[in-house]
């Protein structure tokens, strides 16, 4: 075998190895990259996180109705429900809503909540300032807790041709038992 043919085979093997390593790296990075993409664009009803609401809601700002939905994944022995009924929310106004969870067992359980809003297009305008969903929640045996969420709906929702006709937004949570050790 000639030196040139050997070099070509080594170069091909190196390129293939690099391709495999790159594909494995992309596979590991795909979930965080997709999550980041959803947070930035609101895709899939992913909400935004904000440090604070806009300075002050204008009395002339429109309103939307925010409804609350609560679910528990199969196998998590909790009762979980919204405390508040639908709220009329002025665009840009900071609101506080609560959910109530009860551990129905005789031992402590840690859960984590996933969330989204419907319609999905509203996700980029629905911002949470503080939420129980930002961290895991541990409920002791038989314990009931109220878990607040502070949020606002960005007034820019009224300027977007894809969202200006939205009058109702549903904020939905699903609790899962935490798998962290």
C-alpha atoms as a PDB file:
ATOM      1  CA  UNK A   1       0.000   0.000   0.000  1.00  0.00           C
ATOM      2  CA  UNK A   2       1.363   3.388  -0.917  1.00  0.00           C
ATOM      3  CA  UNK A   3       2.010   6.188   1.530  1.00  0.00           C
ATOM      4  CA  UNK A   4      -0.578   8.338  -0.232  1.00  0.00           C
ATOM      5  CA  UNK A   5      -3.297   5.671   0.125  1.00  0.00           C
ATOM      6  CA  UNK A   6      -2.413   5.239   3.823  1.00  0.00           C
ATOM      7  CA  UNK A   7      -2.700   8.996   4.381  1.00  0.00           C
ATOM      8  CA  UNK A   8      -6.102   9.069   2.695  1.00  0.00           C
ATOM      9  CA  UNK A   9      -7.380   6.239   4.861  1.00  0.00           C
ATOM     10  CA  UNK A  10      -6.130   7.953   8.039  1.00  0.00           C
ATOM     11  CA  UNK A  11      -7.672  11.241   6.969  1.00  0.00           C
ATOM     12  CA  UNK A  12     -10.986   9.523   6.182  1.00  0.00           C
ATOM     13  CA  UNK A  13     -10.924   7.709   9.534  1.00  0.00           C
ATOM     14  CA  UNK A  14     -10.143  10.989  11.324  1.00  0.00           C
ATOM     15  CA  UNK A  15     -12.984  12.792   9.562  1.00  0.00           C
ATOM     16  CA  UNK A  16     -15.423   9.978  10.364  1.00  0.00           C
ATOM     17  CA  UNK A  17     -14.312   9.941  14.001  1.00  0.00           C
ATOM     18  CA  UNK A  18     -14.773  13.721  14.163  1.00  0.00           C
ATOM     19  CA  UNK A  19     -18.220  13.385  12.605  1.00  0.00           C
ATOM     20  CA  UNK A  20     -19.243  10.754  15.168  1.00  0.00           C
ATOM     21  CA  UNK A  21     -17.928  12.878  18.060  1.00  0.00           C
ATOM     22  CA  UNK A  22     -19.730  15.913  16.667  1.00  0.00           C
ATOM     23  CA  UNK A  23     -23.004  14.008  16.333  1.00  0.00           C
ATOM     24  CA  UNK A  24     -22.761  12.685  19.906  1.00  0.00           C
ATOM     25  CA  UNK A  25     -22.047  16.208  21.166  1.00  0.00           C
ATOM     26  CA  UNK A  26     -24.996  17.599  19.225  1.00  0.00           C
ATOM     27  CA  UNK A  27     -27.249  14.869  20.633  1.00  0.00           C
ATOM     28  CA  UNK A  28     -26.298  15.872  24.194  1.00  0.00           C
ATOM     29  CA  UNK A  29     -26.721  19.580  23.417  1.00  0.00           C
ATOM     30  CA  UNK A  30     -30.033  19.232  21.564  1.00  0.00           C
ATOM     31  CA  UNK A  31     -32.288  19.200  24.633  1.00  0.00           C
ATOM     32  CA  UNK A  32     -30.806  22.332  26.257  1.00  0.00           C
ATOM     33  CA  UNK A  33     -30.657  24.072  22.878  1.00  0.00           C
ATOM     34  CA  UNK A  34     -34.290  23.201  22.143  1.00  0.00           C
ATOM     35  CA  UNK A  35     -35.339  24.368  25.632  1.00  0.00           C
ATOM     36  CA  UNK A  36     -33.489  27.668  25.070  1.00  0.00           C
ATOM     37  CA  UNK A  37     -35.126  28.059  21.658  1.00  0.00           C
ATOM     38  CA  UNK A  38     -38.588  27.470  23.176  1.00  0.00           C
ATOM     39  CA  UNK A  39     -37.939  29.963  25.972  1.00  0.00           C
ATOM     40  CA  UNK A  40     -36.826  32.648  23.536  1.00  0.00           C
ATOM     41  CA  UNK A  41     -39.619  32.119  21.015  1.00  0.00           C
ATOM     42  CA  UNK A  42     -42.437  30.903  23.270  1.00  0.00           C
ATOM     43  CA  UNK A  43     -42.720  27.788  21.087  1.00  0.00           C
ATOM     44  CA  UNK A  44     -44.859  25.093  22.640  1.00  0.00           C
ATOM     45  CA  UNK A  45     -46.397  27.534  25.103  1.00  0.00           C
ATOM     46  CA  UNK A  46     -43.149  27.996  26.990  1.00  0.00           C
ATOM     47  CA  UNK A  47     -43.456  31.047  29.213  1.00  0.00           C
ATOM     48  CA  UNK A  48     -40.859  33.710  29.849  1.00  0.00           C
ATOM     49  CA  UNK A  49     -39.098  34.584  33.110  1.00  0.00           C
ATOM     50  CA  UNK A  50     -38.809  38.235  34.115  1.00  0.00           C
ATOM     51  CA  UNK A  51     -37.243  40.091  37.023  1.00  0.00           C
ATOM     52  CA  UNK A  52     -40.175  42.511  37.174  1.00  0.00           C
ATOM     53  CA  UNK A  53     -43.263  43.603  35.280  1.00  0.00           C
ATOM     54  CA  UNK A  54     -43.285  46.697  33.078  1.00  0.00           C
ATOM     55  CA  UNK A  55     -43.209  49.950  35.061  1.00  0.00           C
ATOM     56  CA  UNK A  56     -46.967  50.319  35.334  1.00  0.00           C
ATOM     57  CA  UNK A  57     -49.975  48.977  33.502  1.00  0.00           C
ATOM     58  CA  UNK A  58     -51.877  51.644  31.632  1.00  0.00           C
ATOM     59  CA  UNK A  59     -55.577  51.977  32.452  1.00  0.00           C
ATOM     60  CA  UNK A  60     -56.129  51.938  28.673  1.00  0.00           C
ATOM     61  CA  UNK A  61     -54.300  48.607  28.322  1.00  0.00           C
ATOM     62  CA  UNK A  62     -56.429  45.731  27.160  1.00  0.00           C
ATOM     63  CA  UNK A  63     -57.254  42.744  29.302  1.00  0.00           C
ATOM     64  CA  UNK A  64     -57.075  39.006  28.931  1.00  0.00           C
ATOM     65  CA  UNK A  65     -58.641  36.295  31.027  1.00  0.00           C
ATOM     66  CA  UNK A  66     -56.109  33.919  32.567  1.00  0.00           C
ATOM     67  CA  UNK A  67     -57.416  30.481  33.494  1.00  0.00           C
ATOM     68  CA  UNK A  68     -55.538  27.971  35.631  1.00  0.00           C
ATOM     69  CA  UNK A  69     -55.125  24.236  35.081  1.00  0.00           C
ATOM     70  CA  UNK A  70     -53.433  21.667  37.326  1.00  0.00           C
ATOM     71  CA  UNK A  71     -52.469  18.052  36.681  1.00  0.00           C
ATOM     72  CA  UNK A  72     -50.562  15.312  38.472  1.00  0.00           C
ATOM     73  CA  UNK A  73     -48.588  12.690  36.581  1.00  0.00           C
ATOM     74  CA  UNK A  74     -49.596   9.075  37.020  1.00  0.00           C
ATOM     75  CA  UNK A  75     -47.875   7.587  40.033  1.00  0.00           C
ATOM     76  CA  UNK A  76     -47.550  10.815  42.051  1.00  0.00           C
ATOM     77  CA  UNK A  77     -49.976  10.528  44.979  1.00  0.00           C
ATOM     78  CA  UNK A  78     -50.698  14.248  45.306  1.00  0.00           C
ATOM     79  CA  UNK A  79     -53.860  16.271  44.952  1.00  0.00           C
ATOM     80  CA  UNK A  80     -53.052  19.438  42.991  1.00  0.00           C
ATOM     81  CA  UNK A  81     -55.510  22.154  41.978  1.00  0.00           C
ATOM     82  CA  UNK A  82     -55.676  25.881  41.313  1.00  0.00           C
ATOM     83  CA  UNK A  83     -56.909  27.981  44.224  1.00  0.00           C
ATOM     84  CA  UNK A  84     -57.968  30.848  41.980  1.00  0.00           C
ATOM     85  CA  UNK A  85     -60.620  30.826  39.285  1.00  0.00           C
ATOM     86  CA  UNK A  86     -60.143  32.717  36.041  1.00  0.00           C
ATOM     87  CA  UNK A  87     -58.691  36.208  36.519  1.00  0.00           C
ATOM     88  CA  UNK A  88     -59.209  39.281  34.357  1.00  0.00           C
ATOM     89  CA  UNK A  89     -55.660  40.564  33.885  1.00  0.00           C
ATOM     90  CA  UNK A  90     -54.839  44.028  32.557  1.00  0.00           C
ATOM     91  CA  UNK A  91     -51.901  43.825  30.147  1.00  0.00           C
ATOM     92  CA  UNK A  92     -48.692  44.697  32.000  1.00  0.00           C
ATOM     93  CA  UNK A  93     -50.284  44.269  35.435  1.00  0.00           C
ATOM     94  CA  UNK A  94     -48.515  42.055  37.982  1.00  0.00           C
ATOM     95  CA  UNK A  95     -50.830  39.335  39.257  1.00  0.00           C
ATOM     96  CA  UNK A  96     -50.580  36.683  41.958  1.00  0.00           C
ATOM     97  CA  UNK A  97     -52.325  33.320  41.716  1.00  0.00           C
ATOM     98  CA  UNK A  98     -52.027  30.208  43.852  1.00  0.00           C
ATOM     99  CA  UNK A  99     -52.182  26.478  43.441  1.00  0.00           C
ATOM    100  CA  UNK A 100     -52.719  24.020  46.309  1.00  0.00           C
ATOM    101  CA  UNK A 101     -50.965  20.670  46.606  1.00  0.00           C
ATOM    102  CA  UNK A 102     -51.558  17.910  49.136  1.00  0.00           C
ATOM    103  CA  UNK A 103     -49.343  14.873  49.700  1.00  0.00           C
ATOM    104  CA  UNK A 104     -51.755  11.963  50.122  1.00  0.00           C
ATOM    105  CA  UNK A 105     -49.137   9.549  51.478  1.00  0.00           C
ATOM    106  CA  UNK A 106     -47.515   8.876  54.835  1.00  0.00           C
ATOM    107  CA  UNK A 107     -44.020   9.788  53.640  1.00  0.00           C
ATOM    108  CA  UNK A 108     -42.420  12.896  52.146  1.00  0.00           C
ATOM    109  CA  UNK A 109     -42.300  13.227  48.376  1.00  0.00           C
ATOM    110  CA  UNK A 110     -40.458  15.729  46.210  1.00  0.00           C
ATOM    111  CA  UNK A 111     -42.073  16.859  42.985  1.00  0.00           C
ATOM    112  CA  UNK A 112     -41.223  19.130  40.110  1.00  0.00           C
ATOM    113  CA  UNK A 113     -43.688  20.999  37.921  1.00  0.00           C
ATOM    114  CA  UNK A 114     -43.624  21.481  34.179  1.00  0.00           C
ATOM    115  CA  UNK A 115     -45.669  24.278  32.687  1.00  0.00           C
ATOM    116  CA  UNK A 116     -46.999  25.829  29.533  1.00  0.00           C
ATOM    117  CA  UNK A 117     -49.629  28.240  28.315  1.00  0.00           C
ATOM    118  CA  UNK A 118     -52.331  27.812  25.711  1.00  0.00           C
ATOM    119  CA  UNK A 119     -52.625  29.168  23.105  1.00  0.00           C
ATOM    120  CA  UNK A 120     -48.955  28.487  22.432  1.00  0.00           C
ATOM    121  CA  UNK A 121     -48.441  31.844  20.697  1.00  0.00           C
ATOM    122  CA  UNK A 122     -49.109  33.591  24.024  1.00  0.00           C
ATOM    123  CA  UNK A 123     -46.045  31.951  25.606  1.00  0.00           C
ATOM    124  CA  UNK A 124     -43.633  34.641  24.474  1.00  0.00           C
ATOM    125  CA  UNK A 125     -45.784  37.309  26.181  1.00  0.00           C
ATOM    126  CA  UNK A 126     -46.613  35.458  29.406  1.00  0.00           C
ATOM    127  CA  UNK A 127     -43.870  36.178  31.949  1.00  0.00           C
ATOM    128  CA  UNK A 128     -43.403  34.730  35.408  1.00  0.00           C
ATOM    129  CA  UNK A 129     -41.611  36.805  38.024  1.00  0.00           C
ATOM    130  CA  UNK A 130     -41.727  34.162  40.741  1.00  0.00           C
ATOM    131  CA  UNK A 131     -43.065  30.626  40.617  1.00  0.00           C
ATOM    132  CA  UNK A 132     -43.094  27.405  42.598  1.00  0.00           C
ATOM    133  CA  UNK A 133     -42.138  25.750  39.320  1.00  0.00           C
ATOM    134  CA  UNK A 134     -38.665  27.304  39.451  1.00  0.00           C
ATOM    135  CA  UNK A 135     -37.577  24.705  42.027  1.00  0.00           C
ATOM    136  CA  UNK A 136     -38.528  21.281  43.346  1.00  0.00           C
ATOM    137  CA  UNK A 137     -41.232  21.116  46.013  1.00  0.00           C
ATOM    138  CA  UNK A 138     -41.085  18.691  48.938  1.00  0.00           C
ATOM    139  CA  UNK A 139     -44.301  17.905  50.752  1.00  0.00           C
ATOM    140  CA  UNK A 140     -44.201  16.022  54.025  1.00  0.00           C
ATOM    141  CA  UNK A 141     -46.655  13.200  54.782  1.00  0.00           C
ATOM    142  CA  UNK A 142     -50.213  14.573  54.567  1.00  0.00           C
ATOM    143  CA  UNK A 143     -48.987  18.161  54.135  1.00  0.00           C
ATOM    144  CA  UNK A 144     -51.007  20.729  52.180  1.00  0.00           C
ATOM    145  CA  UNK A 145     -49.299  23.842  50.829  1.00  0.00           C
ATOM    146  CA  UNK A 146     -50.346  26.822  48.757  1.00  0.00           C
ATOM    147  CA  UNK A 147     -47.868  27.572  46.004  1.00  0.00           C
ATOM    148  CA  UNK A 148     -47.933  31.051  44.455  1.00  0.00           C
ATOM    149  CA  UNK A 149     -47.036  32.222  40.981  1.00  0.00           C
ATOM    150  CA  UNK A 150     -46.476  35.910  40.211  1.00  0.00           C
ATOM    151  CA  UNK A 151     -46.890  36.808  36.550  1.00  0.00           C
ATOM    152  CA  UNK A 152     -47.845  39.420  33.987  1.00  0.00           C
ATOM    153  CA  UNK A 153     -48.880  39.463  30.355  1.00  0.00           C
ATOM    154  CA  UNK A 154     -46.672  41.728  28.252  1.00  0.00           C
ATOM    155  CA  UNK A 155     -48.672  44.545  26.621  1.00  0.00           C
ATOM    156  CA  UNK A 156     -46.810  43.779  23.368  1.00  0.00           C
ATOM    157  CA  UNK A 157     -49.229  40.844  22.929  1.00  0.00           C
ATOM    158  CA  UNK A 158     -51.768  43.399  21.652  1.00  0.00           C
ATOM    159  CA  UNK A 159     -49.368  44.618  18.933  1.00  0.00           C
ATOM    160  CA  UNK A 160     -48.475  41.216  17.477  1.00  0.00           C
ATOM    161  CA  UNK A 161     -50.774  40.311  14.562  1.00  0.00           C
ATOM    162  CA  UNK A 162     -50.515  36.636  15.605  1.00  0.00           C
ATOM    163  CA  UNK A 163     -51.703  37.260  19.174  1.00  0.00           C
ATOM    164  CA  UNK A 164     -53.716  40.484  19.298  1.00  0.00           C
ATOM    165  CA  UNK A 165     -57.006  38.547  19.136  1.00  0.00           C
ATOM    166  CA  UNK A 166     -56.164  36.331  22.120  1.00  0.00           C
ATOM    167  CA  UNK A 167     -58.651  36.966  24.911  1.00  0.00           C
ATOM    168  CA  UNK A 168     -58.060  33.898  27.109  1.00  0.00           C
ATOM    169  CA  UNK A 169     -54.786  32.291  28.203  1.00  0.00           C
ATOM    170  CA  UNK A 170     -54.630  29.051  30.169  1.00  0.00           C
ATOM    171  CA  UNK A 171     -51.645  28.539  32.482  1.00  0.00           C
ATOM    172  CA  UNK A 172     -51.175  24.814  32.996  1.00  0.00           C
ATOM    173  CA  UNK A 173     -48.919  22.865  35.355  1.00  0.00           C
ATOM    174  CA  UNK A 174     -48.217  19.166  35.672  1.00  0.00           C
ATOM    175  CA  UNK A 175     -46.409  17.830  38.734  1.00  0.00           C
ATOM    176  CA  UNK A 176     -44.092  14.826  38.420  1.00  0.00           C
ATOM    177  CA  UNK A 177     -42.275  12.981  41.154  1.00  0.00           C
ATOM    178  CA  UNK A 178     -38.679  14.166  41.174  1.00  0.00           C
ATOM    179  CA  UNK A 179     -36.127  11.618  40.066  1.00  0.00           C
ATOM    180  CA  UNK A 180     -33.181  13.526  41.547  1.00  0.00           C
ATOM    181  CA  UNK A 181     -31.356  11.624  44.284  1.00  0.00           C
END
